[in-house]
C-alpha atoms as a PDB file:
ATOM      1  CA  MET A   1     158.274  28.611 110.109  1.00  0.00           C
ATOM      2  CA  SER A   2     156.735  31.179 107.860  1.00  0.00           C
ATOM      3  CA  TRP A   3     153.091  30.558 107.065  1.00  0.00           C
ATOM      4  CA  ASN A   4     153.226  33.131 104.290  1.00  0.00           C
ATOM      5  CA  ARG A   5     152.179  30.790 101.518  1.00  0.00           C
ATOM      6  CA  LYS A   6     149.970  31.044  98.479  1.00  0.00           C
ATOM      7  CA  TYR A   7     147.833  28.147  99.750  1.00  0.00           C
ATOM      8  CA  HIS A   8     146.913  26.919 103.200  1.00  0.00           C
ATOM      9  CA  PHE A   9     145.293  23.541 103.776  1.00  0.00           C
ATOM     10  CA  PHE A  10     143.666  22.752 107.112  1.00  0.00           C
ATOM     11  CA  LEU A  11     142.468  19.479 108.590  1.00  0.00           C
ATOM     12  CA  ILE A  12     140.496  19.239 111.783  1.00  0.00           C
ATOM     13  CA  PHE A  13     140.636  15.881 113.474  1.00  0.00           C
ATOM     14  CA  GLY A  14     138.080  14.524 115.897  1.00  0.00           C
ATOM     15  CA  ASP A  15     137.927  11.006 117.254  1.00  0.00           C
ATOM     16  CA  THR A  16     134.507   9.556 118.006  1.00  0.00           C
ATOM     17  CA  ILE A  17     135.480   5.886 118.062  1.00  0.00           C
ATOM     18  CA  GLY A  18     138.477   5.874 120.385  1.00  0.00           C
ATOM     19  CA  ASP A  19     140.728   3.470 118.508  1.00  0.00           C
ATOM     20  CA  GLN A  20     141.016   5.475 115.263  1.00  0.00           C
ATOM     21  CA  ALA A  21     142.426   8.731 116.622  1.00  0.00           C
ATOM     22  CA  PRO A  22     144.394  10.367 113.779  1.00  0.00           C
ATOM     23  CA  TRP A  23     147.048  11.574 116.223  1.00  0.00           C
ATOM     24  CA  SER A  24     147.798   7.958 117.115  1.00  0.00           C
ATOM     25  CA  LYS A  25     151.250   7.225 115.694  1.00  0.00           C
ATOM     26  CA  ASP A  26     150.162   3.932 114.088  1.00  0.00           C
ATOM     27  CA  ILE A  27     146.929   5.317 112.597  1.00  0.00           C
ATOM     28  CA  TRP A  28     148.819   8.330 111.237  1.00  0.00           C
ATOM     29  CA  ARG A  29     151.611   6.252 109.673  1.00  0.00           C
ATOM     30  CA  GLU A  30     149.409   3.517 108.214  1.00  0.00           C
ATOM     31  CA  ASN A  31     146.213   5.306 107.174  1.00  0.00           C
ATOM     32  CA  ILE A  32     146.489   9.077 107.018  1.00  0.00           C
ATOM     33  CA  GLN A  33     150.037  10.215 106.245  1.00  0.00           C
ATOM     34  CA  PRO A  34     150.440   8.049 103.102  1.00  0.00           C
ATOM     35  CA  LYS A  35     147.220   9.432 101.593  1.00  0.00           C
ATOM     36  CA  LEU A  36     148.072  13.034 102.411  1.00  0.00           C
ATOM     37  CA  ASP A  37     151.617  12.520 101.187  1.00  0.00           C
ATOM     38  CA  TYR A  38     150.268  11.257  97.861  1.00  0.00           C
ATOM     39  CA  LEU A  39     148.269  14.480  97.449  1.00  0.00           C
ATOM     40  CA  LEU A  40     151.029  16.764  98.680  1.00  0.00           C
ATOM     41  CA  ARG A  41     153.598  15.274  96.289  1.00  0.00           C
ATOM     42  CA  LYS A  42     151.515  16.674  93.426  1.00  0.00           C
ATOM     43  CA  SER A  43     152.464  20.174  94.566  1.00  0.00           C
ATOM     44  CA  SER A  44     155.548  21.965  93.304  1.00  0.00           C
ATOM     45  CA  SER A  45     155.930  23.222  96.904  1.00  0.00           C
ATOM     46  CA  TYR A  46     156.051  19.727  98.411  1.00  0.00           C
ATOM     47  CA  LYS A  47     159.520  20.202  99.903  1.00  0.00           C
ATOM     48  CA  LYS A  48     158.328  23.398 101.607  1.00  0.00           C
ATOM     49  CA  THR A  49     155.314  21.766 103.249  1.00  0.00           C
ATOM     50  CA  GLY A  50     154.999  22.524 106.947  1.00  0.00           C
ATOM     51  CA  LEU A  51     152.812  21.081 109.635  1.00  0.00           C
ATOM     52  CA  GLY A  52     151.216  23.032 112.452  1.00  0.00           C
ATOM     53  CA  THR A  53     149.576  21.504 115.479  1.00  0.00           C
ATOM     54  CA  SER A  54     147.889  22.968 118.516  1.00  0.00           C
ATOM     55  CA  GLN A  55     148.034  20.592 121.430  1.00  0.00           C
ATOM     56  CA  TYR A  56     147.195  21.278 125.016  1.00  0.00           C
ATOM     57  CA  VAL A  57     148.517  19.638 128.157  1.00  0.00           C
ATOM     58  CA  PRO A  58     147.531  20.174 131.799  1.00  0.00           C
ATOM     59  CA  LYS A  59     149.329  22.971 133.604  1.00  0.00           C
ATOM     60  CA  PRO A  60     151.235  21.635 136.606  1.00  0.00           C
ATOM     61  CA  ASP A  61     149.145  21.794 139.787  1.00  0.00           C
ATOM     62  CA  SER A  62     146.207  23.347 137.959  1.00  0.00           C
ATOM     63  CA  LYS A  63     142.869  22.403 136.427  1.00  0.00           C
ATOM     64  CA  TYR A  64     143.771  24.492 133.353  1.00  0.00           C
ATOM     65  CA  TYR A  65     145.621  23.594 130.165  1.00  0.00           C
ATOM     66  CA  GLU A  66     148.517  25.217 128.353  1.00  0.00           C
ATOM     67  CA  ARG A  67     149.682  24.949 124.771  1.00  0.00           C
ATOM     68  CA  LEU A  68     152.329  22.331 124.056  1.00  0.00           C
ATOM     69  CA  LYS A  69     155.130  23.896 122.025  1.00  0.00           C
ATOM     70  CA  LEU A  70     156.710  21.510 119.544  1.00  0.00           C
ATOM     71  CA  GLY A  71     158.727  23.960 117.494  1.00  0.00           C
ATOM     72  CA  LYS A  72     158.965  24.072 113.714  1.00  0.00           C
ATOM     73  CA  LEU A  73     157.432  21.027 112.054  1.00  0.00           C
ATOM     74  CA  VAL A  74     158.141  20.163 108.442  1.00  0.00           C
ATOM     75  CA  TRP A  75     156.588  17.327 106.441  1.00  0.00           C
ATOM     76  CA  ASN A  76     158.878  14.433 107.375  1.00  0.00           C
ATOM     77  CA  GLU A  77     159.014  11.389 109.663  1.00  0.00           C
ATOM     78  CA  SER A  78     160.856  13.204 112.440  1.00  0.00           C
ATOM     79  CA  SER A  79     158.163  15.887 112.677  1.00  0.00           C
ATOM     80  CA  HIS A  80     155.387  13.298 112.461  1.00  0.00           C
ATOM     81  CA  ASP A  81     157.003  11.477 115.395  1.00  0.00           C
ATOM     82  CA  LYS A  82     156.999  14.703 117.426  1.00  0.00           C
ATOM     83  CA  TRP A  83     153.306  15.468 117.222  1.00  0.00           C
ATOM     84  CA  THR A  84     151.723  12.000 117.038  1.00  0.00           C
ATOM     85  CA  LEU A  85     151.207   9.890 120.153  1.00  0.00           C
ATOM     86  CA  ALA A  86     152.442   6.318 120.625  1.00  0.00           C
ATOM     87  CA  THR A  87     149.764   5.838 123.280  1.00  0.00           C
ATOM     88  CA  ILE A  88     146.601   7.868 123.622  1.00  0.00           C
ATOM     89  CA  ASN A  89     146.856  10.319 126.485  1.00  0.00           C
ATOM     90  CA  PRO A  90     143.440  11.628 127.586  1.00  0.00           C
ATOM     91  CA  ASP A  91     145.114  14.703 129.118  1.00  0.00           C
ATOM     92  CA  ARG A  92     146.648  15.835 125.814  1.00  0.00           C
ATOM     93  CA  HIS A  93     144.282  17.598 123.438  1.00  0.00           C
ATOM     94  CA  ASN A  94     144.993  18.005 119.729  1.00  0.00           C
ATOM     95  CA  GLU A  95     144.012  20.439 117.012  1.00  0.00           C
ATOM     96  CA  SER A  96     146.255  19.873 114.005  1.00  0.00           C
ATOM     97  CA  PRO A  97     146.086  21.984 110.855  1.00  0.00           C
ATOM     98  CA  LEU A  98     148.367  20.981 108.008  1.00  0.00           C
END
């Protein structure tokens, strides 16, 4: 995906409560994605909207982490399903700019 756009919009998510993590599939679908989608639909570039996420998972047999590669993510349900988590995994770390 080319990030050569006129505008870039970034969100940084952090969960301090535990049950409201924005990368939780249900929280994303019910609370966050509809509101962002409402704003994004106002743009003439809506159909070109991409999603980038930096997530880290433990390296096998190591105390270190490596970046999880999810490929090209566009603004649609299939891409949302790729980067959100059905269950919270404490070993997977998220940093998700839009």
